[in-house]
Amino acid sequence: MAEVWRFFAHEDDFADLDEVGACERLGRVLSFPTVSSMDAEAVNWQPFDDMCAYMQQAWPHVFAAGEVELIDHSLLVTLGGSDPALKPVMLMGHMDVVPVVPGTEADWTHAPFSGHVDDTYIWGRGAIDMKDQVAGILEAVEYALVHGWEHERTLLLAFGQDEETTQYGAGAIGRVLEERGVELEYLIDEGDYRIVSAAEYGAGEGWLMHADLAEKGYADIVLKTKSEGGHSSNPYGGTSLEVLSRAIAAICDIEWPTRVTDLLAAQLVELGLYTADEIAANGGVIVRDCLASNKLYPLVTTTCAPTQIEGGSTGANVMPQDMWANINFRMLEGTGVADVVDRCREAVAAAGLTGRVEVELGPGSSEPSPSPRVGGPGLEAVRTIATRYFRDPKGAEENVPNAAGGTAVGIVPSTVIGATDAANYQRICSECIRFSAFVVDDDECDRGVHGTNERITRRAYLQGVHFFIALLQTL
C-alpha cells in the first residue's frame, strides 16, 4: 500500500459516487494525446477537440446546465448561481500535456496514451499533471447536479489548452472575463501534489500541504554572439564560446534584492519557525537563514539559472561560430521583467562585451504575482475541507487510514516557484490558490510527473474528487 494512503480520511463519504465509472472516465480522458508546443501552428488540435467532445458526453449534466464557450481551444463553462450579486468562484485545470520523450515509448508499462485502468492505478500522460484535476472537477460538479444541489455563487470551470508552453489559452479566457467585468471571489488551480514532512523546513514533526497563493515572475534572457570561427591556433579576440561564457558569468554575478515577503512571513509563522514579531524585528537574519536553506532560498530572492547553450564546435581544434545561450530567471515580488532585462544588459556592458553579445528577452515572460490576500475565504474553505480528508492517523485510536481522529495535515500558504495558468487571472482575482487534492508519494511524483509511467492511484484520484464535491457544498 502506498504510504500516502495513510493520510486519507473519510474515504467513505459520498458512498453512491460511481467510483468505477469515475476512474474509467479519467482513463478515457488520458487517452487523448493533447500535446502542446511552443509553436501553436505545430500543435495537432484534433485531440483537443475530440477530448472536449468526449467530456460533454461523459459529464452530460455539467454541459447541459452550463453555458459552454470554446475560446480558441480552451474551454470555459459558466454555471449560474442563485445570487448573481455574489462573486463567482473558478475551478481550473489544463487539458494539455507534455510530450513523451521520443524513443522511450517502449519503456512504459502501458502505452502513454492508452488510459489503462487496473485495480490500483490509472495510467497515462497527464494522470498527475493534470488531467486528474480536470476530470475530477467535472466528476464532482456532475455529482452535485445529479443530486439536485444548488449553489448561490456562480461557478466557472476553466480548462486551458497550453499551460505547459505559452499559456495563451488561459490568457485568452482571462481577457474575456476581464472585458465582461468579472471579479472572482477566489480560484483554485493546480498546486503541489505531495504531502510533505514539516521536518524538511526544520519545523519538527507534522505533515503539511502547500496552498500557493502567489507565483514568482518568469523571464528567459537569450544571449547571442557571432564569430567566423576558424582554426583554434589563432583565437585572436577570444572565441564565441569564451565571449558567451564571460557574459553568462557576468549575469550570474548580479546580486538581486532579498527580503521576507508578506506571504513568506505567513508561511514561516504557519510552520512555527518564527513569530510575526520575530520576523518584524529580525528580517535580515531570517533572510540569511532562508538563503542557507535549499527549500526556502528561492522564496527570498530572484533566481538565475543558465539552462541552454548551443552552437559549439564539432572539432577539438575548430573554433565555434555563432552561439547562443538561455538564462532563466524566476523573479521575486518587487523585481519585474524590465528590471531583469536592464540589469543583464548592464552586466554585459560592464564586462566589456557591448557590441559582441546581444541580450534579448525570450518568449513567455510574466510578472511576479502582486502581494496576495492571505487568510481569505478561499484558503479557509480549502483548509477546512482538506483537513477532513487528509489527516495523519498518528495519535488516533486506530492507526489506520480513514481514522477520523489523528492530526490534521497543515495547510501552509506559500509561493510557487514555477508557473501556472492562475497567473493569467490575477487582474480579476485577489485570491488565486494553487492547491492539489490529488496527492502522490514523493517517489511517484519524482518518477511520474513529466516522466515515464506517469500514473495515479485510484484511491488518490477518488479522494481528490471527494475534496471537490465537499467544496461545492460551500458555494
Protein backbone atom coordinates (compact mmCIF):
# COMPACT_ATOMS: atom_id res chain seq x y z
CA MET A 1 0.00 0.00 0.00
CA ALA A 2 1.39 3.39 -0.97
CA GLU A 3 2.49 5.41 2.05
CA VAL A 4 0.39 8.42 1.09
CA TRP A 5 -2.80 6.43 1.63
CA ARG A 6 -2.29 6.56 5.37
CA PHE A 7 -3.23 10.24 5.24
CA PHE A 8 -6.63 9.58 3.65
CA ALA A 9 -9.64 10.03 5.92
CA HIS A 10 -13.38 9.75 5.30
CA GLU A 11 -12.97 7.85 2.06
CA ASP A 12 -16.50 6.55 2.55
CA ASP A 13 -18.06 10.00 2.06
CA PHE A 14 -20.47 10.25 -0.88
CA ALA A 15 -20.93 6.48 -0.86
CA ASP A 16 -23.06 6.50 -4.01
CA LEU A 17 -20.29 8.04 -6.12
CA ASP A 18 -19.71 5.89 -9.21
CA GLU A 19 -16.10 5.12 -8.38
CA VAL A 20 -15.56 2.56 -11.13
CA GLY A 21 -17.05 4.85 -13.74
CA ALA A 22 -15.09 7.84 -12.46
CA CYS A 23 -11.78 6.01 -12.87
CA GLU A 24 -12.75 4.77 -16.32
CA ARG A 25 -13.68 8.29 -17.41
CA LEU A 26 -10.32 9.64 -16.28
CA GLY A 27 -8.65 6.83 -18.21
CA ARG A 28 -10.57 7.83 -21.32
CA VAL A 29 -9.52 11.48 -20.92
CA LEU A 30 -5.90 10.33 -20.66
CA SER A 31 -6.21 8.55 -24.00
CA PHE A 32 -6.35 11.82 -25.95
CA PRO A 33 -2.80 12.92 -26.96
CA THR A 34 -3.32 16.61 -26.22
CA VAL A 35 0.34 17.59 -26.52
CA SER A 36 1.05 21.33 -26.60
CA SER A 37 4.01 23.09 -28.19
CA MET A 38 5.70 26.48 -28.08
CA ASP A 39 4.75 26.69 -31.76
CA ALA A 40 0.95 26.77 -31.87
CA GLU A 41 0.96 26.02 -35.58
CA ALA A 42 2.76 22.75 -34.89
CA VAL A 43 0.08 21.52 -32.46
CA ASN A 44 -2.36 18.85 -33.58
CA TRP A 45 -5.58 20.38 -32.27
CA GLN A 46 -7.81 17.46 -33.25
CA PRO A 47 -7.20 15.53 -29.99
CA PHE A 48 -8.18 18.67 -28.04
CA ASP A 49 -11.44 18.93 -29.97
CA ASP A 50 -12.06 15.21 -29.53
CA MET A 51 -11.41 15.44 -25.80
CA CYS A 52 -13.85 18.35 -25.42
CA ALA A 53 -16.48 16.35 -27.32
CA TYR A 54 -15.91 13.36 -25.06
CA MET A 55 -16.19 15.46 -21.89
CA GLN A 56 -19.61 16.70 -22.98
CA GLN A 57 -20.67 13.09 -23.44
CA ALA A 58 -19.11 11.80 -20.20
CA TRP A 59 -20.47 14.55 -17.91
CA PRO A 60 -23.75 15.49 -19.63
CA HIS A 61 -25.38 17.33 -16.73
CA VAL A 62 -22.46 19.76 -16.46
CA PHE A 63 -22.59 20.76 -20.09
CA ALA A 64 -26.38 20.84 -20.23
CA ALA A 65 -26.65 23.10 -17.18
CA GLY A 66 -23.76 25.41 -18.04
CA GLU A 67 -23.06 27.97 -20.71
CA VAL A 68 -20.24 26.42 -22.72
CA GLU A 69 -17.71 28.58 -24.58
CA LEU A 70 -14.77 27.42 -26.64
CA ILE A 71 -12.20 30.22 -26.52
CA ASP A 72 -9.59 29.27 -29.09
CA HIS A 73 -9.07 25.65 -27.99
CA SER A 74 -9.68 26.32 -24.28
CA LEU A 75 -12.94 25.65 -22.51
CA LEU A 76 -14.99 27.93 -20.25
CA VAL A 77 -18.16 26.63 -18.60
CA THR A 78 -20.37 29.01 -16.60
CA LEU A 79 -22.93 27.58 -14.16
CA GLY A 80 -25.07 30.40 -12.83
CA GLY A 81 -25.71 30.72 -9.11
CA SER A 82 -28.90 31.74 -7.36
CA ASP A 83 -27.40 35.04 -6.14
CA PRO A 84 -25.79 36.98 -9.01
CA ALA A 85 -24.61 39.63 -6.54
CA LEU A 86 -22.02 37.21 -5.15
CA LYS A 87 -18.62 37.00 -6.78
CA PRO A 88 -18.08 33.77 -8.76
CA VAL A 89 -15.64 31.01 -7.87
CA MET A 90 -13.46 29.43 -10.56
CA LEU A 91 -12.11 25.88 -10.63
CA MET A 92 -9.28 25.34 -13.10
CA GLY A 93 -7.15 22.81 -14.88
CA HIS A 94 -5.28 22.41 -18.14
CA MET A 95 -6.03 19.92 -20.87
CA ASP A 96 -2.59 19.85 -22.46
CA VAL A 97 0.26 17.54 -21.56
CA VAL A 98 3.98 17.43 -22.24
CA PRO A 99 5.23 15.12 -24.98
CA VAL A 100 6.65 11.68 -24.38
CA VAL A 101 10.40 11.68 -24.93
CA PRO A 102 11.00 10.08 -28.34
CA GLY A 103 12.47 6.62 -28.02
CA THR A 104 11.07 5.99 -24.51
CA GLU A 105 7.63 4.77 -25.56
CA ALA A 106 8.61 1.13 -25.07
CA ASP A 107 9.73 1.89 -21.50
CA TRP A 108 6.13 2.50 -20.44
CA THR A 109 4.36 -0.38 -18.70
CA HIS A 110 1.24 0.71 -20.56
CA ALA A 111 1.29 2.95 -23.63
CA PRO A 112 1.40 6.62 -22.58
CA PHE A 113 -1.96 7.41 -24.19
CA SER A 114 -3.66 4.09 -23.51
CA GLY A 115 -5.56 5.40 -20.49
CA HIS A 116 -5.13 1.96 -18.95
CA VAL A 117 -7.04 1.36 -15.70
CA ASP A 118 -6.28 -1.58 -13.43
CA ASP A 119 -7.24 -2.43 -9.87
CA THR A 120 -4.72 0.01 -8.38
CA TYR A 121 -3.66 2.65 -10.91
CA ILE A 122 -4.88 4.87 -13.71
CA TRP A 123 -2.03 5.14 -16.22
CA GLY A 124 -1.13 7.74 -18.81
CA ARG A 125 0.49 11.04 -19.66
CA GLY A 126 -1.41 13.68 -17.68
CA ALA A 127 -2.53 11.37 -14.86
CA ILE A 128 -0.78 13.67 -12.38
CA ASP A 129 -0.17 16.81 -14.43
CA MET A 130 -3.04 17.42 -14.64
CA LYS A 131 -5.96 15.77 -16.33
CA ASP A 132 -6.81 14.22 -12.97
CA GLN A 133 -7.96 17.64 -11.75
CA VAL A 134 -9.83 18.41 -14.99
CA ALA A 135 -11.76 15.14 -14.84
CA GLY A 136 -12.08 15.28 -11.04
CA ILE A 137 -13.69 18.71 -11.12
CA LEU A 138 -16.16 17.59 -13.78
CA GLU A 139 -16.90 14.42 -11.80
CA ALA A 140 -17.66 16.49 -8.69
CA VAL A 141 -19.89 19.00 -10.49
CA GLU A 142 -21.75 16.19 -12.27
CA TYR A 143 -22.36 14.51 -8.89
CA ALA A 144 -23.71 17.75 -7.42
CA LEU A 145 -26.05 18.38 -10.35
CA VAL A 146 -27.37 14.82 -10.41
CA HIS A 147 -28.20 15.18 -6.72
CA GLY A 148 -30.00 18.46 -7.30
CA TRP A 149 -27.64 20.61 -5.27
CA GLU A 150 -27.99 24.34 -5.73
CA HIS A 151 -25.24 26.90 -5.27
CA GLU A 152 -25.55 30.57 -4.50
CA ARG A 153 -22.37 31.60 -6.25
CA THR A 154 -21.84 31.33 -9.96
CA LEU A 155 -19.29 28.61 -10.71
CA LEU A 156 -16.80 28.92 -13.55
CA LEU A 157 -14.83 25.98 -14.92
CA ALA A 158 -11.79 26.99 -16.97
CA PHE A 159 -9.66 24.41 -18.76
CA GLY A 160 -6.66 25.78 -20.66
CA GLN A 161 -5.02 24.43 -23.79
CA ASP A 162 -1.33 25.21 -23.30
CA GLU A 163 -0.28 25.65 -19.68
CA GLU A 164 2.84 23.61 -20.36
CA THR A 165 4.02 26.06 -23.02
CA THR A 166 2.69 29.55 -23.80
CA GLN A 167 -0.42 29.81 -21.57
CA TYR A 168 -2.19 31.57 -24.42
CA GLY A 169 -5.47 29.79 -23.68
CA ALA A 170 -5.72 30.89 -20.05
CA GLY A 171 -4.66 34.37 -21.08
CA ALA A 172 -7.48 34.49 -23.63
CA ILE A 173 -10.07 33.37 -21.07
CA GLY A 174 -8.72 35.90 -18.57
CA ARG A 175 -9.07 38.74 -21.07
CA VAL A 176 -12.64 37.73 -21.94
CA LEU A 177 -13.66 37.67 -18.28
CA GLU A 178 -11.93 40.99 -17.61
CA GLU A 179 -13.76 42.60 -20.53
CA ARG A 180 -17.03 41.35 -19.04
CA GLY A 181 -16.20 42.93 -15.70
CA VAL A 182 -16.00 39.62 -13.85
CA GLU A 183 -14.35 39.67 -10.41
CA LEU A 184 -13.70 36.32 -8.78
CA GLU A 185 -14.07 35.54 -5.08
CA TYR A 186 -11.27 33.01 -5.45
CA LEU A 187 -9.97 30.39 -7.84
CA ILE A 188 -8.29 27.01 -7.42
CA ASP A 189 -5.64 25.84 -9.86
CA GLU A 190 -3.04 23.07 -9.70
CA GLY A 191 -0.57 23.02 -6.83
CA ASP A 192 1.97 20.77 -5.16
CA TYR A 193 0.95 17.11 -5.49
CA ARG A 194 2.65 15.99 -2.28
CA ILE A 195 2.06 15.77 1.44
CA VAL A 196 5.45 16.74 2.85
CA SER A 197 7.12 16.47 6.22
CA ALA A 198 7.43 19.70 8.18
CA ALA A 199 10.92 18.49 9.07
CA GLU A 200 12.01 19.41 5.53
CA TYR A 201 11.70 23.04 6.67
CA GLY A 202 13.24 22.43 10.07
CA ALA A 203 9.80 22.69 11.65
CA GLY A 204 9.84 19.46 13.64
CA GLU A 205 7.09 16.86 13.47
CA GLY A 206 3.92 17.04 11.44
CA TRP A 207 2.85 16.98 7.83
CA LEU A 208 1.70 19.70 5.50
CA MET A 209 0.23 20.53 2.12
CA HIS A 210 1.00 23.72 0.23
CA ALA A 211 -1.64 26.22 -0.80
CA ASP A 212 0.33 28.51 -3.07
CA LEU A 213 -1.19 31.99 -3.17
CA ALA A 214 1.37 33.61 -5.47
CA GLU A 215 4.00 32.73 -8.01
CA LYS A 216 7.31 34.22 -8.96
CA GLY A 217 7.81 36.05 -12.21
CA TYR A 218 9.34 34.34 -15.23
CA ALA A 219 11.83 35.56 -17.81
CA ASP A 220 14.24 33.94 -20.25
CA ILE A 221 17.23 36.02 -21.28
CA VAL A 222 18.74 34.94 -24.60
CA LEU A 223 22.39 35.81 -25.27
CA LYS A 224 23.73 35.72 -28.83
CA THR A 225 27.25 36.16 -30.15
CA LYS A 226 28.63 35.85 -33.67
CA SER A 227 32.02 34.63 -34.87
CA GLU A 228 33.60 33.46 -38.11
CA GLY A 229 35.20 30.55 -36.28
CA GLY A 230 38.39 29.19 -37.76
CA HIS A 231 41.37 27.17 -36.59
CA SER A 232 41.97 27.15 -32.84
CA SER A 233 45.64 28.03 -33.28
CA ASN A 234 44.69 31.72 -33.68
CA PRO A 235 41.91 32.65 -31.23
CA TYR A 236 42.57 36.38 -31.55
CA GLY A 237 39.93 38.36 -29.64
CA GLY A 238 38.52 35.27 -27.97
CA THR A 239 36.24 32.55 -29.30
CA SER A 240 32.47 32.89 -29.32
CA LEU A 241 32.34 30.29 -26.55
CA GLU A 242 34.69 32.36 -24.40
CA VAL A 243 32.75 35.56 -25.04
CA LEU A 244 29.44 33.88 -24.28
CA SER A 245 30.85 32.33 -21.11
CA ARG A 246 32.03 35.73 -19.88
CA ALA A 247 28.58 37.18 -20.47
CA ILE A 248 26.91 34.30 -18.62
CA ALA A 249 29.30 34.67 -15.68
CA ALA A 250 28.70 38.43 -15.51
CA ILE A 251 24.95 37.93 -15.39
CA CYS A 252 25.17 35.17 -12.80
CA ASP A 253 27.21 37.50 -10.57
CA ILE A 254 24.37 40.04 -10.38
CA GLU A 255 23.18 40.49 -6.79
CA TRP A 256 19.40 40.63 -6.54
CA PRO A 257 17.37 42.14 -3.68
CA THR A 258 16.47 39.81 -0.83
CA ARG A 259 13.57 40.15 1.58
CA VAL A 260 10.86 38.35 3.51
CA THR A 261 7.62 38.91 1.62
CA ASP A 262 4.32 39.08 3.47
CA LEU A 263 3.40 35.66 2.09
CA LEU A 264 6.68 34.09 3.20
CA ALA A 265 6.16 35.62 6.64
CA ALA A 266 2.75 33.94 6.83
CA GLN A 267 4.33 30.65 5.74
CA LEU A 268 7.07 30.85 8.38
CA VAL A 269 4.52 31.62 11.09
CA GLU A 270 2.29 28.73 9.96
CA LEU A 271 5.30 26.40 10.08
CA GLY A 272 6.04 27.57 13.61
CA LEU A 273 9.58 28.64 12.70
CA TYR A 274 9.12 32.26 13.78
CA THR A 275 6.52 34.51 15.32
CA ALA A 276 5.27 37.59 13.49
CA ASP A 277 7.15 39.79 15.98
CA GLU A 278 10.40 37.89 15.40
CA ILE A 279 10.07 38.34 11.65
CA ALA A 280 9.43 42.07 12.01
CA ALA A 281 12.44 42.52 14.28
CA ASN A 282 14.92 40.19 12.60
CA GLY A 283 14.18 40.25 8.88
CA GLY A 284 17.83 40.33 7.86
CA VAL A 285 18.76 37.33 9.99
CA ILE A 286 15.78 35.38 8.68
CA VAL A 287 16.75 36.16 5.08
CA ARG A 288 20.23 34.84 5.81
CA ASP A 289 18.78 31.65 7.28
CA CYS A 290 16.47 31.22 4.28
CA LEU A 291 19.34 31.71 1.83
CA ALA A 292 21.07 28.77 3.52
CA SER A 293 18.02 26.50 3.05
CA ASN A 294 17.50 24.74 -0.28
CA LYS A 295 13.74 24.80 0.38
CA LEU A 296 13.44 28.47 1.34
CA TYR A 297 16.23 30.07 -0.70
CA PRO A 298 14.07 30.68 -3.84
CA LEU A 299 11.43 32.41 -1.70
CA VAL A 300 13.61 35.34 -0.61
CA THR A 301 15.31 36.39 -3.84
CA THR A 302 15.28 36.35 -7.62
CA THR A 303 16.99 33.26 -9.02
CA CYS A 304 19.16 32.99 -12.12
CA ALA A 305 19.86 29.67 -13.85
CA PRO A 306 21.75 29.22 -17.14
CA THR A 307 19.86 26.41 -18.88
CA GLN A 308 20.90 26.18 -22.53
CA ILE A 309 23.94 26.79 -24.70
CA GLU A 310 24.02 25.97 -28.40
CA GLY A 311 26.42 26.27 -31.33
CA GLY A 312 29.63 24.72 -30.06
CA SER A 313 32.37 23.45 -32.33
CA THR A 314 32.36 19.97 -33.83
CA GLY A 315 36.13 19.58 -33.51
CA ALA A 316 38.66 19.97 -30.72
CA ASN A 317 40.83 22.27 -32.87
CA VAL A 318 37.99 24.21 -34.51
CA MET A 319 36.65 27.42 -33.01
CA PRO A 320 32.85 27.70 -32.80
CA GLN A 321 30.96 30.20 -34.91
CA ASP A 322 27.62 31.74 -33.88
CA MET A 323 26.41 30.68 -30.45
CA TRP A 324 23.54 31.44 -28.13
CA ALA A 325 22.62 30.71 -24.53
CA ASN A 326 19.49 30.93 -22.39
CA ILE A 327 19.37 32.08 -18.78
CA ASN A 328 16.15 31.51 -16.87
CA PHE A 329 15.02 33.94 -14.16
CA ARG A 330 12.31 33.50 -11.53
CA MET A 331 11.64 36.93 -10.05
CA LEU A 332 10.65 37.72 -6.50
CA GLU A 333 7.86 40.22 -5.96
CA GLY A 334 9.38 43.67 -6.48
CA THR A 335 11.59 42.69 -9.43
CA GLY A 336 9.93 42.87 -12.83
CA VAL A 337 10.72 41.61 -16.31
CA ALA A 338 12.10 45.00 -17.37
CA ASP A 339 14.41 45.03 -14.34
CA VAL A 340 15.90 41.70 -15.40
CA VAL A 341 16.48 42.83 -18.98
CA ASP A 342 18.04 46.13 -17.93
CA ARG A 343 20.37 44.63 -15.34
CA CYS A 344 21.52 41.87 -17.69
CA ARG A 345 22.40 44.43 -20.35
CA GLU A 346 24.24 46.50 -17.76
CA ALA A 347 26.23 43.44 -16.62
CA VAL A 348 27.21 42.57 -20.19
CA ALA A 349 28.29 46.17 -20.82
CA ALA A 350 30.30 46.25 -17.59
CA ALA A 351 32.11 43.10 -18.73
CA GLY A 352 33.26 44.97 -21.84
CA LEU A 353 31.10 42.93 -24.19
CA THR A 354 28.93 45.67 -25.69
CA GLY A 355 28.57 45.01 -29.41
CA ARG A 356 29.79 41.45 -29.04
CA VAL A 357 26.86 39.93 -27.16
CA GLU A 358 23.19 40.64 -27.86
CA VAL A 359 20.83 40.49 -24.88
CA GLU A 360 17.21 39.71 -25.74
CA LEU A 361 14.09 38.79 -23.80
CA GLY A 362 12.78 35.34 -24.72
CA PRO A 363 9.09 34.46 -25.15
CA GLY A 364 6.65 33.64 -22.36
CA SER A 365 7.72 36.13 -19.70
CA SER A 366 5.39 37.00 -16.82
CA GLU A 367 5.48 39.43 -13.91
CA PRO A 368 5.53 38.23 -10.28
CA SER A 369 2.20 37.97 -8.53
CA PRO A 370 1.14 41.08 -6.66
CA SER A 371 1.03 40.77 -2.89
CA PRO A 372 -1.83 38.28 -2.35
CA ARG A 373 -4.64 38.18 0.14
CA VAL A 374 -3.70 35.78 2.96
CA GLY A 375 -6.45 34.19 5.02
CA GLY A 376 -9.25 34.88 2.55
CA PRO A 377 -12.42 32.79 2.16
CA GLY A 378 -10.89 30.52 -0.47
CA LEU A 379 -7.94 29.49 1.68
CA GLU A 380 -10.22 28.94 4.65
CA ALA A 381 -12.50 26.71 2.55
CA VAL A 382 -9.52 24.72 1.28
CA ARG A 383 -8.14 24.36 4.80
CA THR A 384 -11.48 23.24 6.28
CA ILE A 385 -12.12 20.61 3.63
CA ALA A 386 -8.54 19.40 3.22
CA THR A 387 -8.15 18.79 6.95
CA ARG A 388 -11.19 16.50 6.79
CA TYR A 389 -9.82 14.34 4.00
CA PHE A 390 -6.09 14.44 4.74
CA ARG A 391 -5.05 13.52 8.29
CA ASP A 392 -2.08 11.82 9.89
CA PRO A 393 -3.59 8.86 11.80
CA LYS A 394 -0.76 9.03 14.35
CA GLY A 395 -2.41 9.61 17.71
CA ALA A 396 -5.80 8.30 16.65
CA GLU A 397 -7.36 5.37 18.47
CA GLU A 398 -6.62 3.17 15.46
CA ASN A 399 -3.50 3.84 13.43
CA VAL A 400 -5.20 3.04 10.14
CA PRO A 401 -6.35 5.05 7.13
CA ASN A 402 -9.79 6.64 7.35
CA ALA A 403 -9.45 7.27 11.08
CA ALA A 404 -11.40 10.44 11.86
CA GLY A 405 -9.01 11.26 14.69
CA GLY A 406 -5.30 11.81 14.44
CA THR A 407 -3.61 15.04 13.48
CA ALA A 408 -4.83 17.24 10.68
CA VAL A 409 -2.36 17.86 7.88
CA GLY A 410 -1.32 21.51 7.98
CA ILE A 411 -2.32 23.75 5.07
CA VAL A 412 0.53 26.22 4.57
CA PRO A 413 0.21 29.38 2.45
CA SER A 414 3.23 29.70 0.21
CA THR A 415 4.65 30.83 -3.13
CA VAL A 416 5.06 28.53 -6.11
CA ILE A 417 8.40 28.97 -7.83
CA GLY A 418 7.11 27.56 -11.12
CA ALA A 419 4.48 28.96 -13.46
CA THR A 420 0.75 28.16 -13.65
CA ASP A 421 -2.27 29.28 -15.63
CA ALA A 422 -3.56 31.04 -12.49
CA ALA A 423 -1.24 33.98 -13.13
CA ASN A 424 -3.42 34.95 -16.10
CA TYR A 425 -6.32 35.75 -13.77
CA GLN A 426 -4.54 37.97 -11.25
CA ARG A 427 -6.21 41.10 -12.64
CA ILE A 428 -9.66 39.74 -11.78
CA CYS A 429 -8.89 37.71 -8.66
CA SER A 430 -7.09 38.64 -5.44
CA GLU A 431 -7.03 35.07 -4.10
CA CYS A 432 -5.51 32.70 -6.65
CA ILE A 433 -4.99 29.38 -4.86
CA ARG A 434 -2.76 26.69 -6.30
CA PHE A 435 -3.65 23.52 -4.42
CA SER A 436 -3.82 19.87 -5.42
CA ALA A 437 -6.16 17.44 -3.69
CA PHE A 438 -4.82 14.66 -5.94
CA VAL A 439 -1.77 13.61 -3.96
CA VAL A 440 1.05 11.18 -4.66
CA ASP A 441 4.08 9.78 -2.88
CA ASP A 442 7.40 11.54 -3.35
CA ASP A 443 8.82 8.71 -5.46
CA GLU A 444 5.69 8.66 -7.62
CA CYS A 445 5.91 12.42 -8.06
CA ASP A 446 9.61 12.35 -8.91
CA ARG A 447 9.20 9.48 -11.36
CA GLY A 448 5.81 10.24 -12.79
CA VAL A 449 5.37 13.98 -13.39
CA HIS A 450 6.54 14.50 -16.99
CA GLY A 451 8.30 11.14 -16.78
CA THR A 452 7.87 7.56 -17.90
CA ASN A 453 4.94 5.60 -16.44
CA GLU A 454 3.02 8.62 -15.18
CA ARG A 455 0.09 7.29 -13.16
CA ILE A 456 -2.16 7.98 -10.19
CA THR A 457 -3.73 5.52 -7.77
CA ARG A 458 -7.47 5.06 -7.96
CA ARG A 459 -7.74 5.93 -4.27
CA ALA A 460 -5.79 9.17 -4.66
CA TYR A 461 -7.92 10.22 -7.61
CA LEU A 462 -11.18 9.46 -5.81
CA GLN A 463 -10.04 11.30 -2.68
CA GLY A 464 -9.45 14.36 -4.83
CA VAL A 465 -12.97 14.02 -6.21
CA HIS A 466 -14.29 13.87 -2.63
CA PHE A 467 -12.49 17.13 -1.90
CA PHE A 468 -14.13 18.95 -4.79
CA ILE A 469 -17.58 17.55 -4.06
CA ALA A 470 -17.28 18.86 -0.50
CA LEU A 471 -16.02 22.21 -1.79
CA LEU A 472 -19.12 22.59 -3.96
CA GLN A 473 -21.26 22.31 -0.84
CA THR A 474 -19.75 25.59 0.41
CA LEU A 475 -20.69 27.69 -2.64
